[in-house]
């Protein structure tokens, strides 16, 4: 299984109240339009510093739980592993 491609512009500005689920929906659309890769939002896994983050978490919550630095928040994504 191949990893998902990187976005052409990987930096996003967003509200701290945006949720991980909203980001997954955005990624699903961007991957389709930029790379012609079809992946459902539900099949994308997002992490911060190696920890998987839950769909309902806001960026603010992820920041407090995992990042906790003055640098810009960095999230990683890939396809969920197949069972």
C-alpha atoms as a PDB file:
ATOM      1  CA  UNK A   1       0.000   0.000   0.000  1.00  0.00           C
ATOM      2  CA  UNK A   2       1.437   3.382  -1.021  1.00  0.00           C
ATOM      3  CA  UNK A   3       1.406   6.418   1.267  1.00  0.00           C
ATOM      4  CA  UNK A   4      -0.869   9.309   0.396  1.00  0.00           C
ATOM      5  CA  UNK A   5       0.803  12.087  -1.638  1.00  0.00           C
ATOM      6  CA  UNK A   6       1.810  15.404  -0.101  1.00  0.00           C
ATOM      7  CA  UNK A   7      -0.237  18.529  -0.794  1.00  0.00           C
ATOM      8  CA  UNK A   8       1.184  21.178  -3.138  1.00  0.00           C
ATOM      9  CA  UNK A   9       0.652  23.798  -0.392  1.00  0.00           C
ATOM     10  CA  UNK A  10       0.909  21.959   2.919  1.00  0.00           C
ATOM     11  CA  UNK A  11       0.371  24.989   5.178  1.00  0.00           C
ATOM     12  CA  UNK A  12      -3.140  25.975   6.232  1.00  0.00           C
ATOM     13  CA  UNK A  13      -4.447  28.781   8.381  1.00  0.00           C
ATOM     14  CA  UNK A  14      -7.478  27.771  10.351  1.00  0.00           C
ATOM     15  CA  UNK A  15      -9.658  28.477  13.333  1.00  0.00           C
ATOM     16  CA  UNK A  16      -8.543  26.768  16.539  1.00  0.00           C
ATOM     17  CA  UNK A  17     -12.120  25.428  16.728  1.00  0.00           C
ATOM     18  CA  UNK A  18     -11.817  23.499  13.438  1.00  0.00           C
ATOM     19  CA  UNK A  19     -12.042  19.756  13.995  1.00  0.00           C
ATOM     20  CA  UNK A  20      -9.859  16.930  12.762  1.00  0.00           C
ATOM     21  CA  UNK A  21     -12.905  15.583  10.882  1.00  0.00           C
ATOM     22  CA  UNK A  22     -13.151  18.892   8.974  1.00  0.00           C
ATOM     23  CA  UNK A  23      -9.466  18.615   8.060  1.00  0.00           C
ATOM     24  CA  UNK A  24      -9.959  15.036   6.850  1.00  0.00           C
ATOM     25  CA  UNK A  25     -12.822  16.192   4.608  1.00  0.00           C
ATOM     26  CA  UNK A  26     -10.609  18.991   3.252  1.00  0.00           C
ATOM     27  CA  UNK A  27      -7.732  16.559   2.632  1.00  0.00           C
ATOM     28  CA  UNK A  28      -9.984  14.102   0.841  1.00  0.00           C
ATOM     29  CA  UNK A  29     -11.074  16.819  -1.608  1.00  0.00           C
ATOM     30  CA  UNK A  30      -7.578  18.270  -2.050  1.00  0.00           C
ATOM     31  CA  UNK A  31      -6.002  14.882  -2.749  1.00  0.00           C
ATOM     32  CA  UNK A  32      -8.658  14.234  -5.354  1.00  0.00           C
ATOM     33  CA  UNK A  33      -8.231  17.591  -7.118  1.00  0.00           C
ATOM     34  CA  UNK A  34      -4.423  17.870  -6.877  1.00  0.00           C
ATOM     35  CA  UNK A  35      -3.261  14.272  -7.230  1.00  0.00           C
ATOM     36  CA  UNK A  36      -6.265  12.434  -8.661  1.00  0.00           C
ATOM     37  CA  UNK A  37      -6.226  10.213  -5.569  1.00  0.00           C
ATOM     38  CA  UNK A  38      -9.605   9.095  -4.287  1.00  0.00           C
ATOM     39  CA  UNK A  39      -9.647   8.481  -0.555  1.00  0.00           C
ATOM     40  CA  UNK A  40     -12.640   8.843   1.740  1.00  0.00           C
ATOM     41  CA  UNK A  41     -12.210  11.154   4.715  1.00  0.00           C
ATOM     42  CA  UNK A  42     -13.000   8.177   6.972  1.00  0.00           C
ATOM     43  CA  UNK A  43      -9.975   6.340   5.512  1.00  0.00           C
ATOM     44  CA  UNK A  44      -7.518   9.105   6.462  1.00  0.00           C
ATOM     45  CA  UNK A  45      -5.629   8.885   9.739  1.00  0.00           C
ATOM     46  CA  UNK A  46      -4.199  12.067  11.267  1.00  0.00           C
ATOM     47  CA  UNK A  47      -1.538  12.303  13.931  1.00  0.00           C
ATOM     48  CA  UNK A  48       0.442  14.825  15.936  1.00  0.00           C
ATOM     49  CA  UNK A  49       3.891  13.869  17.224  1.00  0.00           C
ATOM     50  CA  UNK A  50       3.111  10.237  16.438  1.00  0.00           C
ATOM     51  CA  UNK A  51      -0.174  10.142  18.384  1.00  0.00           C
ATOM     52  CA  UNK A  52      -3.363   9.455  16.423  1.00  0.00           C
ATOM     53  CA  UNK A  53      -5.863  12.278  16.956  1.00  0.00           C
ATOM     54  CA  UNK A  54      -9.601  11.680  17.164  1.00  0.00           C
ATOM     55  CA  UNK A  55     -12.112  13.123  14.685  1.00  0.00           C
ATOM     56  CA  UNK A  56     -13.967  15.198  17.271  1.00  0.00           C
ATOM     57  CA  UNK A  57     -10.825  16.943  18.558  1.00  0.00           C
ATOM     58  CA  UNK A  58     -10.433  20.627  17.751  1.00  0.00           C
ATOM     59  CA  UNK A  59      -7.082  22.048  16.700  1.00  0.00           C
ATOM     60  CA  UNK A  60      -6.978  23.836  20.056  1.00  0.00           C
ATOM     61  CA  UNK A  61      -7.384  20.517  21.897  1.00  0.00           C
ATOM     62  CA  UNK A  62      -4.715  18.835  19.771  1.00  0.00           C
ATOM     63  CA  UNK A  63      -2.390  21.760  20.498  1.00  0.00           C
ATOM     64  CA  UNK A  64      -2.893  21.452  24.264  1.00  0.00           C
ATOM     65  CA  UNK A  65      -2.714  17.633  24.381  1.00  0.00           C
ATOM     66  CA  UNK A  66       0.151  16.950  21.969  1.00  0.00           C
ATOM     67  CA  UNK A  67       1.965  20.022  20.676  1.00  0.00           C
ATOM     68  CA  UNK A  68       2.284  22.571  23.497  1.00  0.00           C
ATOM     69  CA  UNK A  69       4.981  24.738  21.874  1.00  0.00           C
ATOM     70  CA  UNK A  70       5.022  28.185  20.291  1.00  0.00           C
ATOM     71  CA  UNK A  71       5.824  26.734  16.858  1.00  0.00           C
ATOM     72  CA  UNK A  72       3.064  26.220  14.283  1.00  0.00           C
ATOM     73  CA  UNK A  73       1.026  23.072  14.884  1.00  0.00           C
ATOM     74  CA  UNK A  74       2.097  20.208  12.613  1.00  0.00           C
ATOM     75  CA  UNK A  75      -0.260  17.400  11.734  1.00  0.00           C
ATOM     76  CA  UNK A  76       0.605  14.343   9.651  1.00  0.00           C
ATOM     77  CA  UNK A  77      -1.780  12.252   7.583  1.00  0.00           C
ATOM     78  CA  UNK A  78      -1.826   8.919   5.840  1.00  0.00           C
ATOM     79  CA  UNK A  79      -4.249   6.219   4.830  1.00  0.00           C
ATOM     80  CA  UNK A  80      -5.606   4.166   7.703  1.00  0.00           C
ATOM     81  CA  UNK A  81      -4.031   0.718   7.760  1.00  0.00           C
ATOM     82  CA  UNK A  82      -6.240  -1.993   6.292  1.00  0.00           C
ATOM     83  CA  UNK A  83      -7.336  -4.673   8.761  1.00  0.00           C
END
